[in-house]
PDB file of N, CA and C in Angstrom:
ATOM      1  N   MET A   1      54.243  85.342  56.309  1.00  0.00           N
ATOM      2  CA  MET A   1      53.419  84.249  55.854  1.00  0.00           C
ATOM      3  C   MET A   1      54.275  83.247  55.084  1.00  0.00           C
ATOM      4  N   PRO A   2      54.081  82.003  55.424  1.00  0.00           N
ATOM      5  CA  PRO A   2      54.857  81.005  54.694  1.00  0.00           C
ATOM      6  C   PRO A   2      54.313  80.840  53.274  1.00  0.00           C
ATOM      7  N   ALA A   3      55.178  80.510  52.338  1.00  0.00           N
ATOM      8  CA  ALA A   3      54.767  80.326  50.941  1.00  0.00           C
ATOM      9  C   ALA A   3      53.948  79.054  50.822  1.00  0.00           C
ATOM     10  N   LYS A   4      52.903  79.133  50.005  1.00  0.00           N
ATOM     11  CA  LYS A   4      52.057  77.956  49.813  1.00  0.00           C
ATOM     12  C   LYS A   4      52.745  76.993  48.862  1.00  0.00           C
ATOM     13  N   LYS A   5      52.658  75.747  49.220  1.00  0.00           N
ATOM     14  CA  LYS A   5      53.231  74.731  48.358  1.00  0.00           C
ATOM     15  C   LYS A   5      52.218  74.365  47.284  1.00  0.00           C
ATOM     16  N   ALA A   6      52.728  74.153  46.111  1.00  0.00           N
ATOM     17  CA  ALA A   6      51.846  73.747  45.010  1.00  0.00           C
ATOM     18  C   ALA A   6      51.426  72.313  45.228  1.00  0.00           C
ATOM     19  N   VAL A   7      50.167  72.083  45.093  1.00  0.00           N
ATOM     20  CA  VAL A   7      49.639  70.743  45.271  1.00  0.00           C
ATOM     21  C   VAL A   7      49.810  70.003  43.955  1.00  0.00           C
ATOM     22  N   ALA A   8      50.440  68.873  44.027  1.00  0.00           N
ATOM     23  CA  ALA A   8      50.641  68.079  42.817  1.00  0.00           C
ATOM     24  C   ALA A   8      49.315  67.431  42.443  1.00  0.00           C
ATOM     25  N   ARG A   9      48.941  67.598  41.200  1.00  0.00           N
ATOM     26  CA  ARG A   9      47.693  67.002  40.723  1.00  0.00           C
ATOM     27  C   ARG A   9      48.011  65.742  39.945  1.00  0.00           C
ATOM     28  N   LYS A  10      47.222  64.763  40.189  1.00  0.00           N
ATOM     29  CA  LYS A  10      47.383  63.543  39.416  1.00  0.00           C
ATOM     30  C   LYS A  10      46.630  63.739  38.095  1.00  0.00           C
ATOM     31  N   GLU A  11      47.376  63.540  37.046  1.00  0.00           N
ATOM     32  CA  GLU A  11      46.717  63.665  35.735  1.00  0.00           C
ATOM     33  C   GLU A  11      46.191  62.301  35.328  1.00  0.00           C
ATOM     34  N   VAL A  12      44.931  62.285  35.040  1.00  0.00           N
ATOM     35  CA  VAL A  12      44.307  61.047  34.602  1.00  0.00           C
ATOM     36  C   VAL A  12      44.555  60.946  33.102  1.00  0.00           C
ATOM     37  N   PRO A  13      45.157  59.853  32.675  1.00  0.00           N
ATOM     38  CA  PRO A  13      45.415  59.749  31.235  1.00  0.00           C
ATOM     39  C   PRO A  13      44.093  59.721  30.471  1.00  0.00           C
ATOM     40  N   ALA A  14      44.063  60.512  29.413  1.00  0.00           N
ATOM     41  CA  ALA A  14      42.853  60.565  28.592  1.00  0.00           C
ATOM     42  C   ALA A  14      42.750  59.281  27.792  1.00  0.00           C
ATOM     43  N   ALA A  15      41.533  58.876  27.576  1.00  0.00           N
ATOM     44  CA  ALA A  15      41.321  57.667  26.783  1.00  0.00           C
ATOM     45  C   ALA A  15      41.847  57.923  25.377  1.00  0.00           C
ATOM     46  N   PRO A  16      42.503  56.940  24.784  1.00  0.00           N
ATOM     47  CA  PRO A  16      43.014  57.158  23.433  1.00  0.00           C
ATOM     48  C   PRO A  16      41.848  57.403  22.484  1.00  0.00           C
ATOM     49  N   PRO A  17      42.054  58.265  21.511  1.00  0.00           N
ATOM     50  CA  PRO A  17      40.954  58.555  20.585  1.00  0.00           C
ATOM     51  C   PRO A  17      40.571  57.294  19.812  1.00  0.00           C
ATOM     52  N   ALA A  18      39.304  57.189  19.553  1.00  0.00           N
ATOM     53  CA  ALA A  18      38.811  56.033  18.806  1.00  0.00           C
ATOM     54  C   ALA A  18      39.423  56.064  17.415  1.00  0.00           C
ATOM     55  N   PRO A  19      39.795  54.913  16.899  1.00  0.00           N
ATOM     56  CA  PRO A  19      40.380  54.908  15.552  1.00  0.00           C
ATOM     57  C   PRO A  19      39.367  55.408  14.533  1.00  0.00           C
ATOM     58  N   LYS A  20      39.855  56.262  13.671  1.00  0.00           N
ATOM     59  CA  LYS A  20      38.966  56.817  12.646  1.00  0.00           C
ATOM     60  C   LYS A  20      38.786  55.792  11.541  1.00  0.00           C
ATOM     61  N   GLU A  21      37.568  55.681  11.113  1.00  0.00           N
ATOM     62  CA  GLU A  21      37.310  54.771  10.008  1.00  0.00           C
ATOM     63  C   GLU A  21      37.659  55.494   8.717  1.00  0.00           C
ATOM     64  N   VAL A  22      38.370  54.805   7.892  1.00  0.00           N
ATOM     65  CA  VAL A  22      38.748  55.382   6.611  1.00  0.00           C
ATOM     66  C   VAL A  22      37.563  55.255   5.675  1.00  0.00           C
ATOM     67  N   ALA A  23      37.155  56.387   5.154  1.00  0.00           N
ATOM     68  CA  ALA A  23      36.035  56.368   4.209  1.00  0.00           C
ATOM     69  C   ALA A  23      36.529  55.810   2.882  1.00  0.00           C
ATOM     70  N   ARG A  24      35.875  54.803   2.434  1.00  0.00           N
ATOM     71  CA  ARG A  24      36.267  54.206   1.162  1.00  0.00           C
ATOM     72  C   ARG A  24      35.454  54.840   0.057  1.00  0.00           C
ATOM     73  N   LYS A  25      36.175  55.291  -0.919  1.00  0.00           N
ATOM     74  CA  LYS A  25      35.500  55.888  -2.062  1.00  0.00           C
ATOM     75  C   LYS A  25      35.299  54.803  -3.100  1.00  0.00           C
ATOM     76  N   THR A  26      34.068  54.574  -3.428  1.00  0.00           N
ATOM     77  CA  THR A  26      33.768  53.580  -4.441  1.00  0.00           C
ATOM     78  C   THR A  26      33.286  54.314  -5.674  1.00  0.00           C
ATOM     79  N   ALA A  27      34.249  54.782  -6.427  1.00  0.00           N
ATOM     80  CA  ALA A  27      33.921  55.520  -7.644  1.00  0.00           C
ATOM     81  C   ALA A  27      33.473  54.538  -8.711  1.00  0.00           C
ATOM     82  N   ALA A  28      32.395  54.882  -9.351  1.00  0.00           N
ATOM     83  CA  ALA A  28      31.918  54.032 -10.424  1.00  0.00           C
ATOM     84  C   ALA A  28      32.854  54.163 -11.612  1.00  0.00           C
ATOM     85  N   LYS A  29      33.284  53.016 -12.092  1.00  0.00           N
ATOM     86  CA  LYS A  29      34.159  53.040 -13.258  1.00  0.00           C
ATOM     87  C   LYS A  29      33.303  53.323 -14.479  1.00  0.00           C
ATOM     88  N   PRO A  30      33.855  54.058 -15.418  1.00  0.00           N
ATOM     89  CA  PRO A  30      33.082  54.281 -16.628  1.00  0.00           C
ATOM     90  C   PRO A  30      32.850  52.947 -17.333  1.00  0.00           C
ATOM     91  N   ALA A  31      31.677  52.783 -17.813  1.00  0.00           N
ATOM     92  CA  ALA A  31      31.347  51.528 -18.454  1.00  0.00           C
ATOM     93  C   ALA A  31      32.051  51.407 -19.799  1.00  0.00           C
ATOM     94  N   ALA A  32      32.570  50.251 -20.068  1.00  0.00           N
ATOM     95  CA  ALA A  32      33.225  49.970 -21.343  1.00  0.00           C
ATOM     96  C   ALA A  32      32.283  49.097 -22.161  1.00  0.00           C
ATOM     97  N   PRO A  33      32.529  48.960 -23.452  1.00  0.00           N
ATOM     98  CA  PRO A  33      31.617  48.136 -24.251  1.00  0.00           C
ATOM     99  C   PRO A  33      31.409  46.748 -23.663  1.00  0.00           C
ATOM    100  N   GLY A  34      32.422  46.170 -23.046  1.00  0.00           N
ATOM    101  CA  GLY A  34      32.269  44.871 -22.409  1.00  0.00           C
ATOM    102  C   GLY A  34      31.421  44.936 -21.152  1.00  0.00           C
ATOM    103  N   ASP A  35      31.242  46.126 -20.592  1.00  0.00           N
ATOM    104  CA  ASP A  35      30.462  46.304 -19.374  1.00  0.00           C
ATOM    105  C   ASP A  35      28.982  46.536 -19.670  1.00  0.00           C
ATOM    106  N   GLY A  36      28.578  46.327 -20.897  1.00  0.00           N
ATOM    107  CA  GLY A  36      27.183  46.526 -21.250  1.00  0.00           C
ATOM    108  C   GLY A  36      26.870  47.902 -21.800  1.00  0.00           C
ATOM    109  N   LEU A  37      27.879  48.762 -21.960  1.00  0.00           N
ATOM    110  CA  LEU A  37      27.642  50.077 -22.539  1.00  0.00           C
ATOM    111  C   LEU A  37      27.530  49.914 -24.042  1.00  0.00           C
ATOM    112  N   THR A  38      26.400  50.315 -24.566  1.00  0.00           N
ATOM    113  CA  THR A  38      26.146  50.158 -25.997  1.00  0.00           C
ATOM    114  C   THR A  38      25.669  51.481 -26.572  1.00  0.00           C
ATOM    115  N   VAL A  39      25.683  51.557 -27.891  1.00  0.00           N
ATOM    116  CA  VAL A  39      25.204  52.765 -28.557  1.00  0.00           C
ATOM    117  C   VAL A  39      23.740  53.023 -28.202  1.00  0.00           C
ATOM    118  N   PRO A  40      22.863  52.002 -28.191  1.00  0.00           N
ATOM    119  CA  PRO A  40      21.475  52.273 -27.797  1.00  0.00           C
ATOM    120  C   PRO A  40      21.357  52.858 -26.389  1.00  0.00           C
ATOM    121  N   ARG A  41      22.195  52.398 -25.448  1.00  0.00           N
ATOM    122  CA  ARG A  41      22.142  52.956 -24.084  1.00  0.00           C
ATOM    123  C   ARG A  41      22.586  54.409 -24.084  1.00  0.00           C
ATOM    124  N   ILE A  42      23.578  54.747 -24.900  1.00  0.00           N
ATOM    125  CA  ILE A  42      24.021  56.140 -25.009  1.00  0.00           C
ATOM    126  C   ILE A  42      22.894  56.988 -25.576  1.00  0.00           C
ATOM    127  N   LEU A  43      22.206  56.462 -26.589  1.00  0.00           N
ATOM    128  CA  LEU A  43      21.117  57.219 -27.217  1.00  0.00           C
ATOM    129  C   LEU A  43      19.917  57.382 -26.291  1.00  0.00           C
ATOM    130  N   VAL A  44      19.709  56.436 -25.394  1.00  0.00           N
ATOM    131  CA  VAL A  44      18.631  56.582 -24.402  1.00  0.00           C
ATOM    132  C   VAL A  44      18.983  57.721 -23.445  1.00  0.00           C
ATOM    133  N   ALA A  45      20.261  57.786 -23.047  1.00  0.00           N
ATOM    134  CA  ALA A  45      20.695  58.840 -22.116  1.00  0.00           C
ATOM    135  C   ALA A  45      20.731  60.211 -22.784  1.00  0.00           C
ATOM    136  N   VAL A  46      21.036  60.238 -24.080  1.00  0.00           N
ATOM    137  CA  VAL A  46      21.135  61.515 -24.812  1.00  0.00           C
ATOM    138  C   VAL A  46      20.348  61.381 -26.120  1.00  0.00           C
ATOM    139  N   PRO A  47      19.024  61.469 -26.039  1.00  0.00           N
ATOM    140  CA  PRO A  47      18.203  61.286 -27.249  1.00  0.00           C
ATOM    141  C   PRO A  47      18.443  62.345 -28.324  1.00  0.00           C
ATOM    142  N   ALA A  48      18.972  63.503 -27.956  1.00  0.00           N
ATOM    143  CA  ALA A  48      19.227  64.561 -28.947  1.00  0.00           C
ATOM    144  C   ALA A  48      20.270  64.134 -29.968  1.00  0.00           C
ATOM    145  N   LEU A  49      21.091  63.152 -29.630  1.00  0.00           N
ATOM    146  CA  LEU A  49      22.099  62.673 -30.583  1.00  0.00           C
ATOM    147  C   LEU A  49      21.465  62.022 -31.802  1.00  0.00           C
ATOM    148  N   GLU A  50      20.277  61.465 -31.649  1.00  0.00           N
ATOM    149  CA  GLU A  50      19.624  60.749 -32.746  1.00  0.00           C
ATOM    150  C   GLU A  50      19.332  61.640 -33.942  1.00  0.00           C
ATOM    151  N   ALA A  51      19.281  62.941 -33.746  1.00  0.00           N
ATOM    152  CA  ALA A  51      19.011  63.856 -34.849  1.00  0.00           C
ATOM    153  C   ALA A  51      20.203  63.959 -35.794  1.00  0.00           C
ATOM    154  N   GLY A  52      21.382  63.551 -35.338  1.00  0.00           N
ATOM    155  CA  GLY A  52      22.561  63.599 -36.197  1.00  0.00           C
ATOM    156  C   GLY A  52      23.229  64.963 -36.255  1.00  0.00           C
ATOM    157  N   ALA A  53      22.744  65.911 -35.477  1.00  0.00           N
ATOM    158  CA  ALA A  53      23.328  67.258 -35.464  1.00  0.00           C
ATOM    159  C   ALA A  53      24.515  67.291 -34.508  1.00  0.00           C
ATOM    160  N   TRP A  54      25.389  68.266 -34.721  1.00  0.00           N
ATOM    161  CA  TRP A  54      26.535  68.448 -33.824  1.00  0.00           C
ATOM    162  C   TRP A  54      26.029  68.988 -32.495  1.00  0.00           C
ATOM    163  N   LEU A  55      26.460  68.372 -31.407  1.00  0.00           N
ATOM    164  CA  LEU A  55      26.073  68.797 -30.064  1.00  0.00           C
ATOM    165  C   LEU A  55      27.330  69.109 -29.257  1.00  0.00           C
ATOM    166  N   PRO A  56      27.230  70.074 -28.332  1.00  0.00           N
ATOM    167  CA  PRO A  56      28.384  70.372 -27.472  1.00  0.00           C
ATOM    168  C   PRO A  56      28.756  69.143 -26.632  1.00  0.00           C
ATOM    169  N   LEU A  57      30.016  68.791 -26.668  1.00  0.00           N
ATOM    170  CA  LEU A  57      30.497  67.607 -25.969  1.00  0.00           C
ATOM    171  C   LEU A  57      30.265  67.711 -24.464  1.00  0.00           C
ATOM    172  N   GLY A  58      30.396  68.890 -23.909  1.00  0.00           N
ATOM    173  CA  GLY A  58      30.181  69.080 -22.471  1.00  0.00           C
ATOM    174  C   GLY A  58      28.755  68.763 -22.058  1.00  0.00           C
ATOM    175  N   ASP A  59      27.792  69.172 -22.878  1.00  0.00           N
ATOM    176  CA  ASP A  59      26.381  68.894 -22.569  1.00  0.00           C
ATOM    177  C   ASP A  59      26.087  67.398 -22.651  1.00  0.00           C
ATOM    178  N   VAL A  60      26.657  66.758 -23.666  1.00  0.00           N
ATOM    179  CA  VAL A  60      26.451  65.320 -23.840  1.00  0.00           C
ATOM    180  C   VAL A  60      27.102  64.555 -22.685  1.00  0.00           C
ATOM    181  N   ALA A  61      28.302  64.958 -22.302  1.00  0.00           N
ATOM    182  CA  ALA A  61      29.007  64.301 -21.194  1.00  0.00           C
ATOM    183  C   ALA A  61      28.211  64.438 -19.902  1.00  0.00           C
ATOM    184  N   LYS A  62      27.622  65.607 -19.664  1.00  0.00           N
ATOM    185  CA  LYS A  62      26.818  65.813 -18.451  1.00  0.00           C
ATOM    186  C   LYS A  62      25.623  64.869 -18.436  1.00  0.00           C
ATOM    187  N   ALA A  63      24.961  64.730 -19.579  1.00  0.00           N
ATOM    188  CA  ALA A  63      23.812  63.835 -19.664  1.00  0.00           C
ATOM    189  C   ALA A  63      24.236  62.378 -19.428  1.00  0.00           C
ATOM    190  N   LEU A  64      25.404  61.999 -19.932  1.00  0.00           N
ATOM    191  CA  LEU A  64      25.894  60.642 -19.728  1.00  0.00           C
ATOM    192  C   LEU A  64      26.247  60.396 -18.261  1.00  0.00           C
ATOM    193  N   ARG A  65      26.827  61.406 -17.611  1.00  0.00           N
ATOM    194  CA  ARG A  65      27.146  61.267 -16.183  1.00  0.00           C
ATOM    195  C   ARG A  65      25.858  61.176 -15.365  1.00  0.00           C
ATOM    196  N   ASP A  66      24.900  62.030 -15.698  1.00  0.00           N
ATOM    197  CA  ASP A  66      23.613  62.000 -14.983  1.00  0.00           C
ATOM    198  C   ASP A  66      22.917  60.656 -15.163  1.00  0.00           C
ATOM    199  N   GLY A  67      23.119  60.036 -16.327  1.00  0.00           N
ATOM    200  CA  GLY A  67      22.509  58.736 -16.603  1.00  0.00           C
ATOM    201  C   GLY A  67      23.314  57.569 -16.072  1.00  0.00           C
ATOM    202  N   GLY A  68      24.455  57.849 -15.446  1.00  0.00           N
ATOM    203  CA  GLY A  68      25.280  56.796 -14.867  1.00  0.00           C
ATOM    204  C   GLY A  68      26.112  56.028 -15.870  1.00  0.00           C
ATOM    205  N   LEU A  69      26.247  56.543 -17.078  1.00  0.00           N
ATOM    206  CA  LEU A  69      27.023  55.844 -18.104  1.00  0.00           C
ATOM    207  C   LEU A  69      28.469  56.309 -18.187  1.00  0.00           C
ATOM    208  N   LEU A  70      28.771  57.416 -17.531  1.00  0.00           N
ATOM    209  CA  LEU A  70      30.114  57.979 -17.592  1.00  0.00           C
ATOM    210  C   LEU A  70      30.527  58.347 -16.179  1.00  0.00           C
ATOM    211  N   GLY A  71      31.708  57.893 -15.777  1.00  0.00           N
ATOM    212  CA  GLY A  71      32.209  58.183 -14.438  1.00  0.00           C
ATOM    213  C   GLY A  71      32.501  59.655 -14.240  1.00  0.00           C
ATOM    214  N   LYS A  72      32.623  60.035 -12.983  1.00  0.00           N
ATOM    215  CA  LYS A  72      32.823  61.443 -12.625  1.00  0.00           C
ATOM    216  C   LYS A  72      34.041  62.062 -13.304  1.00  0.00           C
ATOM    217  N   SER A  73      35.126  61.316 -13.369  1.00  0.00           N
ATOM    218  CA  SER A  73      36.337  61.875 -13.963  1.00  0.00           C
ATOM    219  C   SER A  73      36.690  61.222 -15.296  1.00  0.00           C
ATOM    220  N   ALA A  74      35.790  60.427 -15.839  1.00  0.00           N
ATOM    221  CA  ALA A  74      36.049  59.761 -17.113  1.00  0.00           C
ATOM    222  C   ALA A  74      35.941  60.752 -18.269  1.00  0.00           C
ATOM    223  N   LEU A  75      36.723  60.501 -19.289  1.00  0.00           N
ATOM    224  CA  LEU A  75      36.706  61.375 -20.459  1.00  0.00           C
ATOM    225  C   LEU A  75      35.659  60.894 -21.460  1.00  0.00           C
ATOM    226  N   SER A  76      34.797  61.797 -21.860  1.00  0.00           N
ATOM    227  CA  SER A  76      33.758  61.437 -22.827  1.00  0.00           C
ATOM    228  C   SER A  76      34.371  61.140 -24.188  1.00  0.00           C
ATOM    229  N   THR A  77      35.489  61.784 -24.503  1.00  0.00           N
ATOM    230  CA  THR A  77      36.111  61.533 -25.809  1.00  0.00           C
ATOM    231  C   THR A  77      36.548  60.076 -25.926  1.00  0.00           C
ATOM    232  N   LYS A  78      37.062  59.510 -24.845  1.00  0.00           N
ATOM    233  CA  LYS A  78      37.469  58.102 -24.879  1.00  0.00           C
ATOM    234  C   LYS A  78      36.261  57.203 -25.083  1.00  0.00           C
ATOM    235  N   LEU A  79      35.159  57.550 -24.466  1.00  0.00           N
ATOM    236  CA  LEU A  79      33.949  56.752 -24.621  1.00  0.00           C
ATOM    237  C   LEU A  79      33.502  56.748 -26.080  1.00  0.00           C
ATOM    238  N   PHE A  80      33.449  57.916 -26.703  1.00  0.00           N
ATOM    239  CA  PHE A  80      32.976  57.987 -28.089  1.00  0.00           C
ATOM    240  C   PHE A  80      33.969  57.365 -29.063  1.00  0.00           C
ATOM    241  N   LYS A  81      35.257  57.390 -28.727  1.00  0.00           N
ATOM    242  CA  LYS A  81      36.258  56.772 -29.609  1.00  0.00           C
ATOM    243  C   LYS A  81      36.158  55.256 -29.598  1.00  0.00           C
ATOM    244  N   LYS A  82      35.429  54.694 -28.640  1.00  0.00           N
ATOM    245  CA  LYS A  82      35.203  53.253 -28.616  1.00  0.00           C
ATOM    246  C   LYS A  82      34.168  52.844 -29.668  1.00  0.00           C
ATOM    247  N   PHE A  83      33.443  53.814 -30.186  1.00  0.00           N
ATOM    248  CA  PHE A  83      32.393  53.553 -31.170  1.00  0.00           C
ATOM    249  C   PHE A  83      32.622  54.420 -32.414  1.00  0.00           C
ATOM    250  N   PRO A  84      33.755  54.224 -33.117  1.00  0.00           N
ATOM    251  CA  PRO A  84      34.084  55.116 -34.238  1.00  0.00           C
ATOM    252  C   PRO A  84      33.132  55.003 -35.428  1.00  0.00           C
ATOM    253  N   LYS A  85      32.424  53.894 -35.547  1.00  0.00           N
ATOM    254  CA  LYS A  85      31.476  53.749 -36.658  1.00  0.00           C
ATOM    255  C   LYS A  85      30.169  54.483 -36.389  1.00  0.00           C
ATOM    256  N   HIS A  86      29.958  54.868 -35.132  1.00  0.00           N
ATOM    257  CA  HIS A  86      28.679  55.478 -34.769  1.00  0.00           C
ATOM    258  C   HIS A  86      28.773  56.956 -34.403  1.00  0.00           C
ATOM    259  N   PHE A  87      29.935  57.392 -33.892  1.00  0.00           N
ATOM    260  CA  PHE A  87      30.058  58.776 -33.432  1.00  0.00           C
ATOM    261  C   PHE A  87      31.263  59.461 -34.061  1.00  0.00           C
ATOM    262  N   GLU A  88      31.114  60.752 -34.295  1.00  0.00           N
ATOM    263  CA  GLU A  88      32.201  61.566 -34.832  1.00  0.00           C
ATOM    264  C   GLU A  88      32.443  62.729 -33.877  1.00  0.00           C
ATOM    265  N   LEU A  89      33.709  63.007 -33.622  1.00  0.00           N
ATOM    266  CA  LEU A  89      34.103  64.125 -32.769  1.00  0.00           C
ATOM    267  C   LEU A  89      34.797  65.174 -33.625  1.00  0.00           C
ATOM    268  N   ARG A  90      34.605  66.435 -33.277  1.00  0.00           N
ATOM    269  CA  ARG A  90      35.338  67.497 -33.969  1.00  0.00           C
ATOM    270  C   ARG A  90      35.652  68.613 -33.008  1.00  0.00           C
ATOM    271  N   PRO A  91      36.689  69.357 -33.224  1.00  0.00           N
ATOM    272  CA  PRO A  91      37.785  69.093 -34.165  1.00  0.00           C
ATOM    273  C   PRO A  91      38.585  67.894 -33.694  1.00  0.00           C
ATOM    274  N   ASP A  92      39.480  67.405 -34.557  1.00  0.00           N
ATOM    275  CA  ASP A  92      40.261  66.220 -34.210  1.00  0.00           C
ATOM    276  C   ASP A  92      41.089  66.442 -32.955  1.00  0.00           C
ATOM    277  N   ARG A  93      41.672  67.615 -32.847  1.00  0.00           N
ATOM    278  CA  ARG A  93      42.450  67.958 -31.659  1.00  0.00           C
ATOM    279  C   ARG A  93      41.543  68.665 -30.680  1.00  0.00           C
ATOM    280  N   GLN A  94      41.491  68.188 -29.480  1.00  0.00           N
ATOM    281  CA  GLN A  94      40.653  68.748 -28.416  1.00  0.00           C
ATOM    282  C   GLN A  94      39.199  68.918 -28.868  1.00  0.00           C
ATOM    283  N   PRO A  95      38.526  67.808 -29.135  1.00  0.00           N
ATOM    284  CA  PRO A  95      37.137  67.882 -29.610  1.00  0.00           C
ATOM    285  C   PRO A  95      36.218  68.551 -28.592  1.00  0.00           C
ATOM    286  N   ASN A  96      35.257  69.289 -29.132  1.00  0.00           N
ATOM    287  CA  ASN A  96      34.258  69.923 -28.270  1.00  0.00           C
ATOM    288  C   ASN A  96      32.843  69.711 -28.791  1.00  0.00           C
ATOM    289  N   GLU A  97      32.712  68.908 -29.849  1.00  0.00           N
ATOM    290  CA  GLU A  97      31.393  68.587 -30.395  1.00  0.00           C
ATOM    291  C   GLU A  97      31.352  67.116 -30.793  1.00  0.00           C
ATOM    292  N   VAL A  98      30.147  66.560 -30.764  1.00  0.00           N
ATOM    293  CA  VAL A  98      29.947  65.161 -31.131  1.00  0.00           C
ATOM    294  C   VAL A  98      28.634  65.038 -31.896  1.00  0.00           C
ATOM    295  N   ARG A  99      28.594  64.041 -32.803  1.00  0.00           N
ATOM    296  CA  ARG A  99      27.341  63.755 -33.504  1.00  0.00           C
ATOM    297  C   ARG A  99      27.275  62.270 -33.806  1.00  0.00           C
ATOM    298  N   LEU A 100      26.068  61.809 -34.019  1.00  0.00           N
ATOM    299  CA  LEU A 100      25.829  60.414 -34.363  1.00  0.00           C
ATOM    300  C   LEU A 100      25.983  60.265 -35.871  1.00  0.00           C
ATOM    301  N   LEU A 101      26.844  59.339 -36.291  1.00  0.00           N
ATOM    302  CA  LEU A 101      27.027  59.070 -37.711  1.00  0.00           C
ATOM    303  C   LEU A 101      26.006  58.074 -38.210  1.00  0.00           C
ATOM    304  N   ALA A 102      25.920  56.960 -37.507  1.00  0.00           N
ATOM    305  CA  ALA A 102      25.011  55.897 -37.933  1.00  0.00           C
ATOM    306  C   ALA A 102      24.406  55.255 -36.688  1.00  0.00           C
ATOM    307  N   PRO A 103      23.092  55.119 -36.684  1.00  0.00           N
ATOM    308  CA  PRO A 103      22.475  54.425 -35.557  1.00  0.00           C
ATOM    309  C   PRO A 103      22.862  52.955 -35.591  1.00  0.00           C
ATOM    310  N   PRO A 104      22.755  52.271 -34.473  1.00  0.00           N
ATOM    311  CA  PRO A 104      23.095  50.847 -34.467  1.00  0.00           C
ATOM    312  C   PRO A 104      22.124  50.062 -35.320  1.00  0.00           C
ATOM    313  N   ALA A 105      22.618  48.992 -35.894  1.00  0.00           N
ATOM    314  CA  ALA A 105      21.764  48.134 -36.741  1.00  0.00           C
ATOM    315  C   ALA A 105      20.714  47.466 -35.865  1.00  0.00           C
ATOM    316  N   ALA A 106      19.484  47.438 -36.375  1.00  0.00           N
ATOM    317  CA  ALA A 106      18.396  46.791 -35.628  1.00  0.00           C
ATOM    318  C   ALA A 106      18.559  45.286 -35.721  1.00  0.00           C
ATOM    319  N   ASN A 107      18.273  44.625 -34.612  1.00  0.00           N
ATOM    320  CA  ASN A 107      18.405  43.151 -34.587  1.00  0.00           C
ATOM    321  C   ASN A 107      17.145  42.504 -35.046  1.00  0.00           C
TER     322      ASN A 107
END
């Protein structure tokens, strides 16, 4: 029996893959005092601060993130340090608690 010859197949070039769209991440920047972030807005998001008691910084930060006042990766300590007349953090090194010192003056 004669050997069978291999039939050459024409390969149809595959269509080039569609270009992938790059997903743009639009992370909300943490609001700064110039961005409309004020002590009253912080107190609306975390009303427990009005009592003046020490609160866990992690709980307060979560409430601020849930309220849209603090970005996903923003540091809550930096936010409170923008308002030194109104908020106190402790301990000085690596704070884990915050309290309201003085409410904002009424207009």
